[in-house]
Amino acid sequence: MLGNKKCPRKLKVLIPKIQNNMRYLCKPENENQGICSLYEKNLIENIWVFKNKEPRWNERLQAYVLNFKGRVNQPSIKNFQLALSGDMKEEVCFQFGKVNDNEFNLDFR
């Protein structure tokens, strides 16, 4: 859960694919150029693109919420879930969320 009615954060994660135990090199040409800008200009390929699942506004709680299926039980701005971009089912591949004051769960597949 995110604790206010402000717009939730948007997150995009790019990870080079691995094939035959070899990873693809995704290296910017200079310090001012990030991997996201290379991807958006179609200058790199063989990359996984993950986007955060959009939380839904819950009227009763007056907060944005995500379904962590019992793995997260504390609201935090740090909580998020990632799914492969373009995945119509939006199956969660990676999630991070607060369990108590000093503990977080990190799940991935």
N, C-alpha and C. Protein backbone atom coordinates (compact mmCIF):
# COMPACT_ATOMS: atom_id res chain seq x y z
N MET A 1 0.85 -1.18 0.00
CA MET A 1 0.00 0.00 0.00
C MET A 1 0.88 1.23 0.00
N LEU A 2 0.45 2.22 -0.68
CA LEU A 2 1.10 3.51 -0.65
C LEU A 2 0.21 4.44 0.16
N GLY A 3 0.78 5.17 1.09
CA GLY A 3 0.01 5.84 2.10
C GLY A 3 -0.62 7.17 1.76
N ASN A 4 -0.71 7.58 0.51
CA ASN A 4 -1.40 8.84 0.23
C ASN A 4 -2.09 8.77 -1.12
N LYS A 5 -2.82 9.81 -1.44
CA LYS A 5 -3.60 9.82 -2.66
C LYS A 5 -2.82 10.40 -3.83
N LYS A 6 -1.55 10.76 -3.61
CA LYS A 6 -0.74 11.26 -4.71
C LYS A 6 -0.57 10.15 -5.73
N CYS A 7 -0.20 10.54 -6.91
CA CYS A 7 0.00 9.58 -8.00
C CYS A 7 1.10 8.58 -7.64
N PRO A 8 0.87 7.28 -7.84
CA PRO A 8 1.91 6.30 -7.52
C PRO A 8 3.12 6.43 -8.45
N ARG A 9 4.25 6.01 -7.97
CA ARG A 9 5.48 6.05 -8.76
C ARG A 9 5.41 5.08 -9.92
N LYS A 10 6.14 5.39 -10.98
CA LYS A 10 6.26 4.48 -12.11
C LYS A 10 7.70 4.00 -12.16
N LEU A 11 7.87 2.72 -12.47
CA LEU A 11 9.18 2.11 -12.43
C LEU A 11 9.36 1.25 -13.68
N LYS A 12 10.52 1.38 -14.32
CA LYS A 12 10.87 0.55 -15.46
C LYS A 12 12.25 -0.03 -15.17
N VAL A 13 12.40 -1.35 -15.35
CA VAL A 13 13.66 -2.03 -15.09
C VAL A 13 14.08 -2.76 -16.36
N LEU A 14 15.31 -2.52 -16.79
CA LEU A 14 15.85 -3.18 -17.97
C LEU A 14 16.97 -4.12 -17.54
N ILE A 15 16.89 -5.38 -17.97
CA ILE A 15 17.90 -6.38 -17.61
C ILE A 15 18.33 -7.09 -18.89
N PRO A 16 19.65 -7.14 -19.17
CA PRO A 16 20.13 -7.88 -20.35
C PRO A 16 19.73 -9.35 -20.27
N LYS A 17 19.32 -9.92 -21.41
CA LYS A 17 18.98 -11.33 -21.46
C LYS A 17 20.25 -12.17 -21.42
N ILE A 18 20.08 -13.41 -21.02
CA ILE A 18 21.18 -14.37 -21.00
C ILE A 18 20.80 -15.53 -21.90
N GLN A 19 21.68 -15.89 -22.83
CA GLN A 19 21.48 -17.04 -23.69
C GLN A 19 22.77 -17.83 -23.76
N ASN A 20 22.67 -19.15 -23.63
CA ASN A 20 23.84 -20.03 -23.67
C ASN A 20 24.89 -19.61 -22.65
N ASN A 21 24.43 -19.25 -21.45
CA ASN A 21 25.31 -18.80 -20.35
C ASN A 21 26.13 -17.57 -20.69
N MET A 22 25.69 -16.80 -21.67
CA MET A 22 26.37 -15.55 -22.05
C MET A 22 25.37 -14.41 -21.91
N ARG A 23 25.81 -13.33 -21.28
CA ARG A 23 24.93 -12.17 -21.19
C ARG A 23 25.30 -11.18 -22.28
N TYR A 24 24.30 -10.41 -22.70
CA TYR A 24 24.53 -9.39 -23.71
C TYR A 24 25.07 -8.14 -23.05
N LEU A 25 26.00 -7.49 -23.70
CA LEU A 25 26.57 -6.26 -23.19
C LEU A 25 25.67 -5.10 -23.55
N CYS A 26 25.26 -4.35 -22.54
CA CYS A 26 24.43 -3.16 -22.71
C CYS A 26 25.16 -2.02 -22.03
N LYS A 27 25.98 -1.34 -22.78
CA LYS A 27 26.84 -0.32 -22.18
C LYS A 27 26.63 1.01 -22.90
N PRO A 28 26.27 2.06 -22.15
CA PRO A 28 26.15 3.38 -22.76
C PRO A 28 27.51 3.84 -23.30
N GLU A 29 27.44 4.65 -24.35
CA GLU A 29 28.67 5.15 -24.97
C GLU A 29 29.33 6.25 -24.15
N ASN A 30 28.54 6.97 -23.34
CA ASN A 30 29.11 8.02 -22.49
C ASN A 30 28.32 8.11 -21.19
N GLU A 31 28.82 8.90 -20.25
CA GLU A 31 28.21 9.00 -18.93
C GLU A 31 26.83 9.64 -18.95
N ASN A 32 26.52 10.43 -19.95
CA ASN A 32 25.24 11.14 -20.02
C ASN A 32 24.14 10.29 -20.67
N GLN A 33 24.47 9.11 -21.11
CA GLN A 33 23.51 8.27 -21.83
C GLN A 33 23.19 7.04 -20.97
N GLY A 34 21.93 6.84 -20.63
CA GLY A 34 21.54 5.70 -19.83
C GLY A 34 21.02 4.56 -20.70
N ILE A 35 20.90 3.39 -20.10
CA ILE A 35 20.41 2.22 -20.83
C ILE A 35 18.98 2.44 -21.30
N CYS A 36 18.16 3.14 -20.49
CA CYS A 36 16.77 3.40 -20.90
C CYS A 36 16.72 4.23 -22.18
N SER A 37 17.57 5.24 -22.28
CA SER A 37 17.55 6.07 -23.50
C SER A 37 18.02 5.26 -24.70
N LEU A 38 18.99 4.37 -24.52
CA LEU A 38 19.43 3.49 -25.62
C LEU A 38 18.29 2.58 -26.07
N TYR A 39 17.56 2.02 -25.11
CA TYR A 39 16.44 1.14 -25.43
C TYR A 39 15.33 1.89 -26.17
N GLU A 40 15.00 3.09 -25.68
CA GLU A 40 13.92 3.87 -26.30
C GLU A 40 14.27 4.30 -27.72
N LYS A 41 15.55 4.42 -28.03
CA LYS A 41 15.99 4.78 -29.39
C LYS A 41 16.27 3.55 -30.24
N ASN A 42 15.90 2.35 -29.72
CA ASN A 42 16.12 1.07 -30.41
C ASN A 42 17.58 0.83 -30.75
N LEU A 43 18.48 1.24 -29.85
CA LEU A 43 19.91 1.05 -30.08
C LEU A 43 20.45 -0.20 -29.38
N ILE A 44 19.63 -0.84 -28.54
CA ILE A 44 20.04 -2.10 -27.93
C ILE A 44 18.91 -3.11 -28.04
N GLU A 45 19.27 -4.37 -28.10
CA GLU A 45 18.30 -5.46 -28.19
C GLU A 45 18.59 -6.47 -27.10
N ASN A 46 17.86 -7.58 -27.14
CA ASN A 46 18.07 -8.68 -26.20
C ASN A 46 18.04 -8.22 -24.75
N ILE A 47 16.94 -7.58 -24.41
CA ILE A 47 16.81 -7.03 -23.07
C ILE A 47 15.40 -7.32 -22.55
N TRP A 48 15.31 -7.67 -21.28
CA TRP A 48 14.02 -7.83 -20.63
C TRP A 48 13.59 -6.46 -20.12
N VAL A 49 12.33 -6.14 -20.32
CA VAL A 49 11.79 -4.87 -19.84
C VAL A 49 10.66 -5.19 -18.86
N PHE A 50 10.83 -4.74 -17.62
CA PHE A 50 9.84 -4.93 -16.59
C PHE A 50 9.26 -3.57 -16.21
N LYS A 51 7.95 -3.56 -15.94
CA LYS A 51 7.29 -2.34 -15.45
C LYS A 51 6.52 -2.68 -14.19
N ASN A 52 6.38 -1.67 -13.33
CA ASN A 52 5.65 -1.93 -12.09
C ASN A 52 4.16 -2.12 -12.38
N LYS A 53 3.55 -3.00 -11.59
CA LYS A 53 2.10 -3.16 -11.67
C LYS A 53 1.46 -1.91 -11.11
N GLU A 54 0.43 -1.46 -11.76
CA GLU A 54 -0.27 -0.26 -11.30
C GLU A 54 -1.12 -0.60 -10.08
N PRO A 55 -0.90 0.09 -8.96
CA PRO A 55 -1.76 -0.14 -7.80
C PRO A 55 -3.15 0.43 -8.05
N ARG A 56 -4.11 -0.09 -7.31
CA ARG A 56 -5.50 0.39 -7.43
C ARG A 56 -5.85 1.21 -6.19
N TRP A 57 -6.67 2.21 -6.42
CA TRP A 57 -7.11 3.05 -5.30
C TRP A 57 -8.19 2.31 -4.52
N ASN A 58 -8.01 2.22 -3.21
CA ASN A 58 -8.96 1.57 -2.33
C ASN A 58 -9.68 2.66 -1.53
N GLU A 59 -10.98 2.81 -1.78
CA GLU A 59 -11.76 3.86 -1.13
C GLU A 59 -11.80 3.67 0.38
N ARG A 60 -11.95 2.43 0.83
CA ARG A 60 -12.06 2.17 2.27
C ARG A 60 -10.78 2.56 3.00
N LEU A 61 -9.63 2.22 2.41
CA LEU A 61 -8.34 2.54 3.05
C LEU A 61 -7.84 3.93 2.70
N GLN A 62 -8.42 4.52 1.66
CA GLN A 62 -7.95 5.82 1.16
C GLN A 62 -6.46 5.76 0.82
N ALA A 63 -6.10 4.69 0.08
CA ALA A 63 -4.70 4.49 -0.30
C ALA A 63 -4.65 3.62 -1.56
N TYR A 64 -3.54 3.69 -2.27
CA TYR A 64 -3.28 2.77 -3.38
C TYR A 64 -2.82 1.43 -2.81
N VAL A 65 -3.29 0.33 -3.39
CA VAL A 65 -2.96 -0.99 -2.88
C VAL A 65 -2.53 -1.94 -4.00
N LEU A 66 -1.72 -2.92 -3.62
CA LEU A 66 -1.30 -4.02 -4.48
C LEU A 66 -1.58 -5.31 -3.72
N ASN A 67 -1.83 -6.40 -4.43
CA ASN A 67 -2.07 -7.69 -3.80
C ASN A 67 -0.75 -8.46 -3.71
N PHE A 68 -0.19 -8.54 -2.51
CA PHE A 68 1.06 -9.27 -2.28
C PHE A 68 0.78 -10.69 -1.79
N LYS A 69 -0.46 -11.10 -1.77
CA LYS A 69 -0.87 -12.45 -1.38
C LYS A 69 -0.27 -12.88 -0.05
N GLY A 70 -0.31 -11.98 0.94
CA GLY A 70 0.12 -12.30 2.28
C GLY A 70 1.61 -12.16 2.55
N ARG A 71 2.42 -11.83 1.55
CA ARG A 71 3.87 -11.72 1.72
C ARG A 71 4.30 -10.37 2.27
N VAL A 72 3.42 -9.39 2.21
CA VAL A 72 3.73 -8.04 2.69
C VAL A 72 2.56 -7.59 3.56
N ASN A 73 2.86 -7.02 4.72
CA ASN A 73 1.77 -6.61 5.59
C ASN A 73 1.91 -5.20 6.16
N GLN A 74 2.88 -4.43 5.63
CA GLN A 74 3.08 -3.06 6.09
C GLN A 74 3.03 -2.10 4.90
N PRO A 75 2.32 -0.98 5.04
CA PRO A 75 2.35 0.00 3.96
C PRO A 75 3.72 0.66 3.89
N SER A 76 4.21 0.89 2.67
CA SER A 76 5.48 1.57 2.48
C SER A 76 5.57 2.08 1.06
N ILE A 77 6.17 3.24 0.90
CA ILE A 77 6.40 3.77 -0.44
C ILE A 77 7.40 2.91 -1.20
N LYS A 78 8.14 2.06 -0.48
CA LYS A 78 9.13 1.18 -1.09
C LYS A 78 8.51 -0.09 -1.67
N ASN A 79 7.29 -0.42 -1.34
CA ASN A 79 6.64 -1.64 -1.84
C ASN A 79 6.38 -1.51 -3.34
N PHE A 80 6.72 -2.58 -4.08
CA PHE A 80 6.41 -2.58 -5.52
C PHE A 80 6.39 -4.00 -6.05
N GLN A 81 5.77 -4.15 -7.24
CA GLN A 81 5.74 -5.41 -7.97
C GLN A 81 6.09 -5.11 -9.41
N LEU A 82 6.88 -6.01 -10.04
CA LEU A 82 7.27 -5.85 -11.43
C LEU A 82 6.72 -7.00 -12.26
N ALA A 83 6.26 -6.68 -13.47
CA ALA A 83 5.80 -7.68 -14.44
C ALA A 83 6.47 -7.37 -15.77
N LEU A 84 6.61 -8.38 -16.62
CA LEU A 84 7.19 -8.16 -17.94
C LEU A 84 6.33 -7.18 -18.73
N SER A 85 6.95 -6.23 -19.34
CA SER A 85 6.24 -5.25 -20.15
C SER A 85 5.56 -5.97 -21.31
N GLY A 86 4.31 -5.65 -21.53
CA GLY A 86 3.56 -6.28 -22.62
C GLY A 86 2.85 -7.55 -22.20
N ASP A 87 3.07 -8.03 -20.99
CA ASP A 87 2.40 -9.23 -20.48
C ASP A 87 0.97 -8.85 -20.12
N MET A 88 0.01 -9.33 -20.89
CA MET A 88 -1.39 -8.96 -20.67
C MET A 88 -1.90 -9.45 -19.31
N LYS A 89 -1.38 -10.58 -18.83
CA LYS A 89 -1.81 -11.09 -17.53
C LYS A 89 -1.15 -10.33 -16.39
N GLU A 90 -0.08 -9.61 -16.69
CA GLU A 90 0.69 -8.88 -15.68
C GLU A 90 1.09 -9.80 -14.53
N GLU A 91 1.65 -10.98 -14.88
CA GLU A 91 2.12 -11.89 -13.85
C GLU A 91 3.34 -11.29 -13.16
N VAL A 92 3.31 -11.27 -11.85
CA VAL A 92 4.39 -10.68 -11.07
C VAL A 92 5.63 -11.57 -11.18
N CYS A 93 6.75 -10.97 -11.56
CA CYS A 93 8.03 -11.67 -11.65
C CYS A 93 8.95 -11.29 -10.50
N PHE A 94 8.67 -10.16 -9.88
CA PHE A 94 9.55 -9.61 -8.86
C PHE A 94 8.71 -8.73 -7.94
N GLN A 95 8.83 -8.94 -6.64
CA GLN A 95 8.11 -8.06 -5.71
C GLN A 95 8.96 -7.81 -4.48
N PHE A 96 8.77 -6.62 -3.93
CA PHE A 96 9.52 -6.17 -2.76
C PHE A 96 8.54 -5.46 -1.84
N GLY A 97 8.53 -5.84 -0.57
CA GLY A 97 7.59 -5.18 0.32
C GLY A 97 7.95 -5.32 1.78
N LYS A 98 7.41 -4.41 2.55
CA LYS A 98 7.71 -4.28 3.97
C LYS A 98 6.91 -5.29 4.80
N VAL A 99 7.62 -5.97 5.71
CA VAL A 99 7.01 -6.95 6.61
C VAL A 99 6.85 -6.35 8.01
N ASN A 100 7.89 -5.68 8.49
CA ASN A 100 7.81 -4.95 9.76
C ASN A 100 8.82 -3.79 9.69
N ASP A 101 9.06 -3.13 10.81
CA ASP A 101 9.90 -1.93 10.81
C ASP A 101 11.27 -2.13 10.18
N ASN A 102 11.87 -3.30 10.36
CA ASN A 102 13.23 -3.52 9.88
C ASN A 102 13.37 -4.69 8.91
N GLU A 103 12.28 -5.23 8.40
CA GLU A 103 12.35 -6.38 7.50
C GLU A 103 11.51 -6.16 6.26
N PHE A 104 12.06 -6.65 5.14
CA PHE A 104 11.37 -6.59 3.85
C PHE A 104 11.46 -7.97 3.21
N ASN A 105 10.46 -8.34 2.41
CA ASN A 105 10.50 -9.56 1.62
C ASN A 105 10.85 -9.20 0.18
N LEU A 106 11.69 -10.00 -0.43
CA LEU A 106 12.05 -9.87 -1.84
C LEU A 106 11.78 -11.21 -2.49
N ASP A 107 10.84 -11.25 -3.41
CA ASP A 107 10.48 -12.48 -4.13
C ASP A 107 10.72 -12.27 -5.62
N PHE A 108 11.30 -13.28 -6.27
CA PHE A 108 11.46 -13.21 -7.72
C PHE A 108 11.39 -14.60 -8.30
N ARG A 109 11.09 -14.65 -9.60
CA ARG A 109 11.05 -15.92 -10.33
C ARG A 109 11.61 -15.73 -11.72
